[in-house]
Amino acid sequence: MFVIKTLLQGSALAVGVVLAAPVFAAHAVPFNTTFTATGPTTMTQSGLHIPCNSSFVLVTDGSGDVTVTQATFSGGSPMCNVITASGLPWPVSLNSTTAAVIHNVTVRSPLGTCSGNVDATINNSNSQIFLDGRFGTCAVTGYLSVTPQFKVVD
C-alpha cells in the first residue's frame, strides 16, 4: 500500500509541475513602451504602386503584447496624403522572435478600402520591421526603422 501511495503522490507531483510550468510566448520588450516605426513603404492597389513615407506608433503593454495605435502616410506619391488608416488600434500577433501578423489593417484611398492582416518580419539586431503581404485587394512592402530599440524575445 505504501508503494502505491508513493507512486500516486509522485505522479500527482509530476503532473502538477508540468501544468504549473509557464508558457513562454514571444513578446516585445521593453514593456509599457511607445515606439515609432517609420520608413518607405509601397502600397499596391488596383495595379497602381503608391510609394509613401509611413509612420506607425506601436505600444507594448505590461505583458509585451503589441498594438498599432496610429498610422500616417505622406510624401512619395501625391496619393499618400489622402490615404487614411482606420479601425485602430490594430492588434499584433508575435508568432516568433522574427515573425508577426498585424491584424485588422484597414486603409482608405481614393481607389477604395483595403482590409485584412499584414505579415511582418522582425529584425531584432537592427530594430527593423519588414512589411510584405496582401491585405484584401491591396499589397504592401517596406522597411520600417523602430525607435527606441524594439526587440521580440521568447
N, C-alpha and C. Protein backbone atom coordinates (compact mmCIF):
# COMPACT_ATOMS: atom_id res chain seq x y z
N MET A 1 0.81 -1.18 0.00
CA MET A 1 0.00 0.00 0.00
C MET A 1 0.87 1.26 0.00
N PHE A 2 1.96 1.24 0.78
CA PHE A 2 2.88 2.37 0.84
C PHE A 2 3.46 2.68 -0.54
N VAL A 3 3.83 1.65 -1.31
CA VAL A 3 4.42 1.84 -2.64
C VAL A 3 3.41 2.49 -3.58
N ILE A 4 2.17 2.03 -3.54
CA ILE A 4 1.13 2.59 -4.40
C ILE A 4 0.89 4.05 -4.05
N LYS A 5 0.82 4.34 -2.75
CA LYS A 5 0.59 5.71 -2.30
C LYS A 5 1.75 6.62 -2.74
N THR A 6 2.96 6.15 -2.62
CA THR A 6 4.14 6.92 -3.03
C THR A 6 4.13 7.17 -4.53
N LEU A 7 3.80 6.15 -5.32
CA LEU A 7 3.72 6.31 -6.77
C LEU A 7 2.64 7.32 -7.16
N LEU A 8 1.49 7.25 -6.51
CA LEU A 8 0.41 8.20 -6.80
C LEU A 8 0.82 9.63 -6.45
N GLN A 9 1.47 9.80 -5.31
CA GLN A 9 1.92 11.13 -4.91
C GLN A 9 2.96 11.66 -5.89
N GLY A 10 3.88 10.80 -6.29
CA GLY A 10 4.91 11.20 -7.25
C GLY A 10 4.29 11.57 -8.59
N SER A 11 3.32 10.81 -9.04
CA SER A 11 2.63 11.11 -10.30
C SER A 11 1.89 12.42 -10.20
N ALA A 12 1.21 12.65 -9.09
CA ALA A 12 0.47 13.89 -8.90
C ALA A 12 1.43 15.08 -8.89
N LEU A 13 2.58 14.91 -8.26
CA LEU A 13 3.57 15.98 -8.22
C LEU A 13 4.08 16.27 -9.62
N ALA A 14 4.38 15.25 -10.40
CA ALA A 14 4.88 15.44 -11.76
C ALA A 14 3.85 16.15 -12.62
N VAL A 15 2.59 15.76 -12.53
CA VAL A 15 1.53 16.41 -13.30
C VAL A 15 1.39 17.86 -12.87
N GLY A 16 1.46 18.13 -11.58
CA GLY A 16 1.36 19.49 -11.07
C GLY A 16 2.48 20.38 -11.58
N VAL A 17 3.69 19.86 -11.62
CA VAL A 17 4.83 20.64 -12.12
C VAL A 17 4.65 20.96 -13.59
N VAL A 18 4.22 19.99 -14.38
CA VAL A 18 4.01 20.22 -15.81
C VAL A 18 2.90 21.23 -16.04
N LEU A 19 1.80 21.13 -15.32
CA LEU A 19 0.69 22.05 -15.50
C LEU A 19 1.02 23.45 -15.01
N ALA A 20 1.88 23.55 -14.02
CA ALA A 20 2.23 24.85 -13.46
C ALA A 20 3.35 25.54 -14.24
N ALA A 21 4.00 24.82 -15.14
CA ALA A 21 5.10 25.42 -15.91
C ALA A 21 4.55 26.54 -16.79
N PRO A 22 5.18 27.71 -16.78
CA PRO A 22 4.67 28.81 -17.58
C PRO A 22 4.88 28.55 -19.07
N VAL A 23 3.99 29.11 -19.86
CA VAL A 23 4.11 29.03 -21.31
C VAL A 23 4.79 30.31 -21.75
N PHE A 24 5.92 30.19 -22.39
CA PHE A 24 6.67 31.36 -22.83
C PHE A 24 6.32 31.64 -24.28
N ALA A 25 5.62 32.72 -24.50
CA ALA A 25 5.27 33.14 -25.85
C ALA A 25 6.16 34.31 -26.24
N ALA A 26 6.31 34.50 -27.52
CA ALA A 26 7.08 35.65 -27.99
C ALA A 26 6.40 36.93 -27.51
N HIS A 27 7.19 37.89 -27.08
CA HIS A 27 6.68 39.17 -26.63
C HIS A 27 7.72 40.25 -26.90
N ALA A 28 7.25 41.48 -26.97
CA ALA A 28 8.12 42.60 -27.27
C ALA A 28 8.65 43.23 -25.98
N VAL A 29 9.87 43.73 -26.06
CA VAL A 29 10.47 44.45 -24.95
C VAL A 29 11.08 45.75 -25.48
N PRO A 30 11.15 46.77 -24.65
CA PRO A 30 10.70 46.82 -23.27
C PRO A 30 9.18 46.92 -23.16
N PHE A 31 8.66 46.51 -22.00
CA PHE A 31 7.23 46.58 -21.71
C PHE A 31 6.81 48.04 -21.52
N ASN A 32 5.51 48.26 -21.66
CA ASN A 32 4.91 49.58 -21.38
C ASN A 32 5.66 50.70 -22.08
N THR A 33 5.89 50.53 -23.37
CA THR A 33 6.68 51.50 -24.13
C THR A 33 5.96 51.87 -25.41
N THR A 34 6.12 53.12 -25.82
CA THR A 34 5.60 53.60 -27.09
C THR A 34 6.76 53.70 -28.07
N PHE A 35 6.60 53.09 -29.23
CA PHE A 35 7.63 53.06 -30.28
C PHE A 35 7.11 53.79 -31.51
N THR A 36 8.03 54.31 -32.30
CA THR A 36 7.69 54.87 -33.60
C THR A 36 8.42 54.06 -34.66
N ALA A 37 7.66 53.58 -35.65
CA ALA A 37 8.22 52.82 -36.77
C ALA A 37 8.01 53.63 -38.03
N THR A 38 9.10 54.05 -38.66
CA THR A 38 9.00 54.91 -39.84
C THR A 38 9.85 54.38 -40.97
N GLY A 39 9.42 54.68 -42.19
CA GLY A 39 10.22 54.31 -43.35
C GLY A 39 9.41 54.29 -44.62
N PRO A 40 10.11 54.02 -45.72
CA PRO A 40 9.43 53.98 -47.02
C PRO A 40 8.63 52.69 -47.19
N THR A 41 7.42 52.84 -47.66
CA THR A 41 6.57 51.70 -47.97
C THR A 41 5.95 51.91 -49.35
N THR A 42 5.52 50.83 -49.95
CA THR A 42 4.78 50.92 -51.20
C THR A 42 3.51 50.09 -51.06
N MET A 43 2.38 50.75 -51.27
CA MET A 43 1.11 50.05 -51.29
C MET A 43 0.70 49.89 -52.75
N THR A 44 0.25 48.71 -53.09
CA THR A 44 -0.24 48.46 -54.44
C THR A 44 -1.74 48.24 -54.35
N GLN A 45 -2.48 49.05 -55.11
CA GLN A 45 -3.93 48.96 -55.10
C GLN A 45 -4.43 49.15 -56.53
N SER A 46 -5.24 48.24 -56.99
CA SER A 46 -5.79 48.29 -58.35
C SER A 46 -4.68 48.42 -59.38
N GLY A 47 -3.56 47.75 -59.16
CA GLY A 47 -2.44 47.77 -60.10
C GLY A 47 -1.58 49.01 -60.01
N LEU A 48 -1.94 49.96 -59.18
CA LEU A 48 -1.19 51.21 -59.03
C LEU A 48 -0.26 51.10 -57.83
N HIS A 49 1.04 51.39 -58.04
CA HIS A 49 2.03 51.38 -56.95
C HIS A 49 2.07 52.77 -56.33
N ILE A 50 1.88 52.83 -55.02
CA ILE A 50 1.82 54.11 -54.31
C ILE A 50 2.95 54.15 -53.28
N PRO A 51 4.10 54.77 -53.63
CA PRO A 51 5.20 54.86 -52.65
C PRO A 51 4.90 55.98 -51.64
N CYS A 52 5.14 55.67 -50.37
CA CYS A 52 4.86 56.63 -49.29
C CYS A 52 5.97 56.59 -48.25
N ASN A 53 6.01 57.62 -47.44
CA ASN A 53 6.75 57.60 -46.19
C ASN A 53 5.70 57.30 -45.13
N SER A 54 5.89 56.21 -44.43
CA SER A 54 4.88 55.77 -43.46
C SER A 54 5.41 55.90 -42.04
N SER A 55 4.50 56.18 -41.13
CA SER A 55 4.85 56.28 -39.72
C SER A 55 3.77 55.57 -38.91
N PHE A 56 4.21 54.68 -38.03
CA PHE A 56 3.30 53.90 -37.19
C PHE A 56 3.71 54.07 -35.74
N VAL A 57 2.73 54.18 -34.86
CA VAL A 57 3.00 54.19 -33.42
C VAL A 57 2.61 52.81 -32.90
N LEU A 58 3.58 52.14 -32.26
CA LEU A 58 3.38 50.82 -31.66
C LEU A 58 3.46 50.98 -30.15
N VAL A 59 2.61 50.26 -29.44
CA VAL A 59 2.61 50.34 -27.98
C VAL A 59 2.67 48.92 -27.43
N THR A 60 3.59 48.71 -26.46
CA THR A 60 3.63 47.43 -25.75
C THR A 60 2.97 47.64 -24.39
N ASP A 61 2.27 46.59 -23.94
CA ASP A 61 1.68 46.65 -22.61
C ASP A 61 2.61 45.96 -21.61
N GLY A 62 2.11 45.75 -20.41
CA GLY A 62 2.92 45.15 -19.35
C GLY A 62 3.27 43.69 -19.57
N SER A 63 2.67 43.05 -20.58
CA SER A 63 2.97 41.65 -20.91
C SER A 63 3.80 41.53 -22.19
N GLY A 64 4.07 42.66 -22.84
CA GLY A 64 4.83 42.63 -24.09
C GLY A 64 3.96 42.43 -25.31
N ASP A 65 2.62 42.51 -25.14
CA ASP A 65 1.73 42.46 -26.29
C ASP A 65 1.81 43.80 -27.01
N VAL A 66 1.64 43.76 -28.34
CA VAL A 66 1.83 44.95 -29.17
C VAL A 66 0.54 45.32 -29.87
N THR A 67 0.27 46.62 -29.95
CA THR A 67 -0.80 47.13 -30.79
C THR A 67 -0.26 48.31 -31.59
N VAL A 68 -0.82 48.50 -32.77
CA VAL A 68 -0.53 49.68 -33.59
C VAL A 68 -1.65 50.67 -33.29
N THR A 69 -1.29 51.84 -32.75
CA THR A 69 -2.31 52.80 -32.32
C THR A 69 -2.48 53.97 -33.29
N GLN A 70 -1.48 54.21 -34.14
CA GLN A 70 -1.57 55.28 -35.14
C GLN A 70 -0.84 54.86 -36.40
N ALA A 71 -1.34 55.34 -37.55
CA ALA A 71 -0.68 55.10 -38.82
C ALA A 71 -0.91 56.31 -39.71
N THR A 72 0.17 56.89 -40.24
CA THR A 72 0.06 58.04 -41.14
C THR A 72 0.94 57.81 -42.35
N PHE A 73 0.53 58.42 -43.45
CA PHE A 73 1.21 58.25 -44.73
C PHE A 73 1.40 59.62 -45.36
N SER A 74 2.61 59.85 -45.92
CA SER A 74 2.89 61.16 -46.50
C SER A 74 3.96 61.01 -47.57
N GLY A 75 4.22 62.15 -48.28
CA GLY A 75 5.30 62.20 -49.26
C GLY A 75 5.17 61.17 -50.35
N GLY A 76 6.30 60.88 -50.98
CA GLY A 76 6.29 59.89 -52.05
C GLY A 76 5.34 60.30 -53.15
N SER A 77 4.24 59.64 -53.27
CA SER A 77 3.21 59.92 -54.26
C SER A 77 2.21 60.92 -53.68
N PRO A 78 1.65 61.80 -54.52
CA PRO A 78 0.61 62.72 -54.02
C PRO A 78 -0.57 61.97 -53.40
N MET A 79 -0.80 60.73 -53.83
CA MET A 79 -1.91 59.95 -53.29
C MET A 79 -1.67 59.60 -51.82
N CYS A 80 -0.41 59.58 -51.37
CA CYS A 80 -0.11 59.25 -49.96
C CYS A 80 -0.82 60.18 -49.00
N ASN A 81 -0.92 61.44 -49.38
CA ASN A 81 -1.51 62.43 -48.48
C ASN A 81 -2.99 62.22 -48.25
N VAL A 82 -3.65 61.38 -49.08
CA VAL A 82 -5.08 61.15 -48.90
C VAL A 82 -5.37 59.71 -48.44
N ILE A 83 -4.34 58.92 -48.21
CA ILE A 83 -4.53 57.59 -47.64
C ILE A 83 -4.73 57.74 -46.14
N THR A 84 -5.75 57.09 -45.61
CA THR A 84 -6.00 57.16 -44.17
C THR A 84 -6.14 55.76 -43.59
N ALA A 85 -5.73 55.63 -42.36
CA ALA A 85 -5.88 54.37 -41.63
C ALA A 85 -7.14 54.45 -40.79
N SER A 86 -7.81 53.31 -40.65
CA SER A 86 -9.00 53.29 -39.79
C SER A 86 -9.06 51.97 -39.03
N GLY A 87 -9.97 51.91 -38.07
CA GLY A 87 -10.13 50.70 -37.28
C GLY A 87 -9.03 50.48 -36.27
N LEU A 88 -8.27 51.53 -35.98
CA LEU A 88 -7.20 51.41 -34.99
C LEU A 88 -7.80 51.32 -33.59
N PRO A 89 -7.14 50.67 -32.65
CA PRO A 89 -5.82 50.05 -32.77
C PRO A 89 -5.87 48.71 -33.51
N TRP A 90 -4.74 48.36 -34.12
CA TRP A 90 -4.59 47.08 -34.80
C TRP A 90 -3.76 46.16 -33.90
N PRO A 91 -4.32 45.04 -33.47
CA PRO A 91 -3.55 44.11 -32.63
C PRO A 91 -2.48 43.40 -33.45
N VAL A 92 -1.39 43.06 -32.79
CA VAL A 92 -0.27 42.38 -33.44
C VAL A 92 -0.05 41.03 -32.75
N SER A 93 0.02 39.97 -33.54
CA SER A 93 0.37 38.64 -33.02
C SER A 93 1.85 38.42 -33.27
N LEU A 94 2.60 38.13 -32.23
CA LEU A 94 4.02 37.82 -32.36
C LEU A 94 4.14 36.30 -32.40
N ASN A 95 4.33 35.76 -33.60
CA ASN A 95 4.36 34.31 -33.79
C ASN A 95 5.69 33.69 -33.40
N SER A 96 6.75 34.47 -33.47
CA SER A 96 8.09 34.04 -33.08
C SER A 96 8.90 35.30 -32.86
N THR A 97 10.19 35.15 -32.64
CA THR A 97 11.04 36.34 -32.44
C THR A 97 11.29 37.07 -33.76
N THR A 98 10.90 36.47 -34.88
CA THR A 98 11.14 37.11 -36.17
C THR A 98 9.90 37.25 -37.04
N ALA A 99 8.76 36.75 -36.61
CA ALA A 99 7.55 36.79 -37.44
C ALA A 99 6.36 37.32 -36.66
N ALA A 100 5.59 38.20 -37.33
CA ALA A 100 4.41 38.78 -36.70
C ALA A 100 3.30 38.95 -37.75
N VAL A 101 2.10 39.13 -37.25
CA VAL A 101 0.95 39.45 -38.10
C VAL A 101 0.24 40.65 -37.49
N ILE A 102 0.02 41.66 -38.31
CA ILE A 102 -0.75 42.83 -37.87
C ILE A 102 -2.18 42.59 -38.34
N HIS A 103 -3.10 42.53 -37.38
CA HIS A 103 -4.49 42.16 -37.67
C HIS A 103 -5.38 43.37 -37.92
N ASN A 104 -6.39 43.14 -38.74
CA ASN A 104 -7.46 44.12 -38.98
C ASN A 104 -6.98 45.43 -39.57
N VAL A 105 -5.90 45.37 -40.36
CA VAL A 105 -5.39 46.58 -41.01
C VAL A 105 -6.44 47.06 -42.01
N THR A 106 -6.80 48.33 -41.90
CA THR A 106 -7.74 48.94 -42.84
C THR A 106 -7.20 50.29 -43.27
N VAL A 107 -7.07 50.48 -44.58
CA VAL A 107 -6.66 51.77 -45.13
C VAL A 107 -7.63 52.16 -46.24
N ARG A 108 -7.85 53.46 -46.33
CA ARG A 108 -8.73 54.01 -47.36
C ARG A 108 -7.94 54.95 -48.26
N SER A 109 -8.20 54.82 -49.56
CA SER A 109 -7.61 55.73 -50.54
C SER A 109 -8.70 56.09 -51.54
N PRO A 110 -8.42 57.01 -52.46
CA PRO A 110 -9.42 57.32 -53.49
C PRO A 110 -9.79 56.10 -54.35
N LEU A 111 -8.96 55.07 -54.33
CA LEU A 111 -9.24 53.86 -55.11
C LEU A 111 -10.12 52.87 -54.36
N GLY A 112 -10.38 53.11 -53.07
CA GLY A 112 -11.21 52.21 -52.30
C GLY A 112 -10.59 51.86 -50.97
N THR A 113 -11.19 50.89 -50.29
CA THR A 113 -10.76 50.46 -48.96
C THR A 113 -10.16 49.06 -49.03
N CYS A 114 -9.05 48.88 -48.33
CA CYS A 114 -8.42 47.57 -48.22
C CYS A 114 -8.39 47.18 -46.75
N SER A 115 -8.75 45.93 -46.47
CA SER A 115 -8.75 45.44 -45.10
C SER A 115 -8.22 44.02 -45.05
N GLY A 116 -7.53 43.70 -43.97
CA GLY A 116 -7.03 42.35 -43.77
C GLY A 116 -5.85 42.34 -42.83
N ASN A 117 -5.12 41.24 -42.85
CA ASN A 117 -3.95 41.06 -41.99
C ASN A 117 -2.69 41.22 -42.83
N VAL A 118 -1.66 41.82 -42.23
CA VAL A 118 -0.39 42.04 -42.92
C VAL A 118 0.72 41.29 -42.18
N ASP A 119 1.49 40.52 -42.95
CA ASP A 119 2.63 39.80 -42.38
C ASP A 119 3.81 40.75 -42.20
N ALA A 120 4.58 40.51 -41.16
CA ALA A 120 5.76 41.33 -40.89
C ALA A 120 6.90 40.43 -40.43
N THR A 121 8.10 40.80 -40.84
CA THR A 121 9.32 40.13 -40.39
C THR A 121 10.07 41.10 -39.50
N ILE A 122 10.55 40.61 -38.37
CA ILE A 122 11.22 41.47 -37.39
C ILE A 122 12.71 41.18 -37.40
N ASN A 123 13.49 42.24 -37.50
CA ASN A 123 14.94 42.14 -37.41
C ASN A 123 15.34 42.76 -36.08
N ASN A 124 15.55 41.91 -35.07
CA ASN A 124 15.85 42.41 -33.72
C ASN A 124 17.18 43.15 -33.65
N SER A 125 18.19 42.68 -34.38
CA SER A 125 19.52 43.31 -34.26
C SER A 125 19.54 44.73 -34.81
N ASN A 126 18.68 45.02 -35.80
CA ASN A 126 18.64 46.37 -36.38
C ASN A 126 17.41 47.17 -35.97
N SER A 127 16.56 46.61 -35.10
CA SER A 127 15.32 47.26 -34.69
C SER A 127 14.52 47.69 -35.92
N GLN A 128 14.29 46.73 -36.82
CA GLN A 128 13.54 46.99 -38.05
C GLN A 128 12.38 46.01 -38.21
N ILE A 129 11.38 46.47 -38.93
CA ILE A 129 10.24 45.63 -39.29
C ILE A 129 10.10 45.70 -40.80
N PHE A 130 9.98 44.55 -41.44
CA PHE A 130 9.77 44.48 -42.88
C PHE A 130 8.33 44.04 -43.12
N LEU A 131 7.58 44.87 -43.81
CA LEU A 131 6.20 44.55 -44.17
C LEU A 131 6.19 43.93 -45.55
N ASP A 132 5.48 42.85 -45.73
CA ASP A 132 5.40 42.22 -47.04
C ASP A 132 4.17 41.32 -47.07
N GLY A 133 3.09 41.83 -47.58
CA GLY A 133 1.92 40.99 -47.62
C GLY A 133 0.74 41.64 -48.30
N ARG A 134 -0.26 40.83 -48.50
CA ARG A 134 -1.52 41.27 -49.09
C ARG A 134 -2.53 41.45 -47.97
N PHE A 135 -3.36 42.45 -48.11
CA PHE A 135 -4.48 42.63 -47.20
C PHE A 135 -5.66 43.10 -48.04
N GLY A 136 -6.62 42.20 -48.14
CA GLY A 136 -7.75 42.48 -49.03
C GLY A 136 -7.26 42.54 -50.47
N THR A 137 -7.63 43.61 -51.16
CA THR A 137 -7.23 43.78 -52.56
C THR A 137 -5.94 44.58 -52.71
N CYS A 138 -5.26 44.82 -51.62
CA CYS A 138 -4.02 45.60 -51.63
C CYS A 138 -2.84 44.74 -51.24
N ALA A 139 -1.67 45.27 -51.51
CA ALA A 139 -0.42 44.66 -51.05
C ALA A 139 0.46 45.78 -50.50
N VAL A 140 1.35 45.43 -49.59
CA VAL A 140 2.27 46.43 -49.03
C VAL A 140 3.64 45.80 -48.85
N THR A 141 4.67 46.60 -49.12
CA THR A 141 6.05 46.22 -48.82
C THR A 141 6.73 47.45 -48.23
N GLY A 142 7.75 47.21 -47.42
CA GLY A 142 8.51 48.33 -46.89
C GLY A 142 9.30 47.98 -45.66
N TYR A 143 10.37 48.74 -45.45
CA TYR A 143 11.22 48.60 -44.26
C TYR A 143 10.95 49.75 -43.32
N LEU A 144 10.71 49.42 -42.05
CA LEU A 144 10.46 50.42 -41.03
C LEU A 144 11.54 50.34 -39.97
N SER A 145 12.10 51.47 -39.63
CA SER A 145 13.06 51.56 -38.52
C SER A 145 12.28 51.91 -37.26
N VAL A 146 12.56 51.20 -36.17
CA VAL A 146 11.79 51.37 -34.94
C VAL A 146 12.67 52.02 -33.88
N THR A 147 12.13 53.08 -33.25
CA THR A 147 12.80 53.74 -32.13
C THR A 147 11.80 53.91 -31.01
N PRO A 148 12.22 53.82 -29.73
CA PRO A 148 13.54 53.32 -29.32
C PRO A 148 13.72 51.85 -29.73
N GLN A 149 14.84 51.28 -29.35
CA GLN A 149 15.17 49.89 -29.71
C GLN A 149 14.01 48.96 -29.39
N PHE A 150 13.56 48.22 -30.39
CA PHE A 150 12.42 47.31 -30.30
C PHE A 150 12.97 45.89 -30.49
N LYS A 151 12.54 44.98 -29.64
CA LYS A 151 13.03 43.61 -29.71
C LYS A 151 11.91 42.66 -29.36
N VAL A 152 11.87 41.49 -30.04
CA VAL A 152 10.93 40.44 -29.71
C VAL A 152 11.71 39.26 -29.19
N VAL A 153 11.32 38.78 -28.02
CA VAL A 153 12.02 37.69 -27.36
C VAL A 153 11.03 36.59 -26.97
N ASP A 154 11.55 35.41 -26.66
CA ASP A 154 10.70 34.32 -26.17
C ASP A 154 10.50 34.44 -24.68
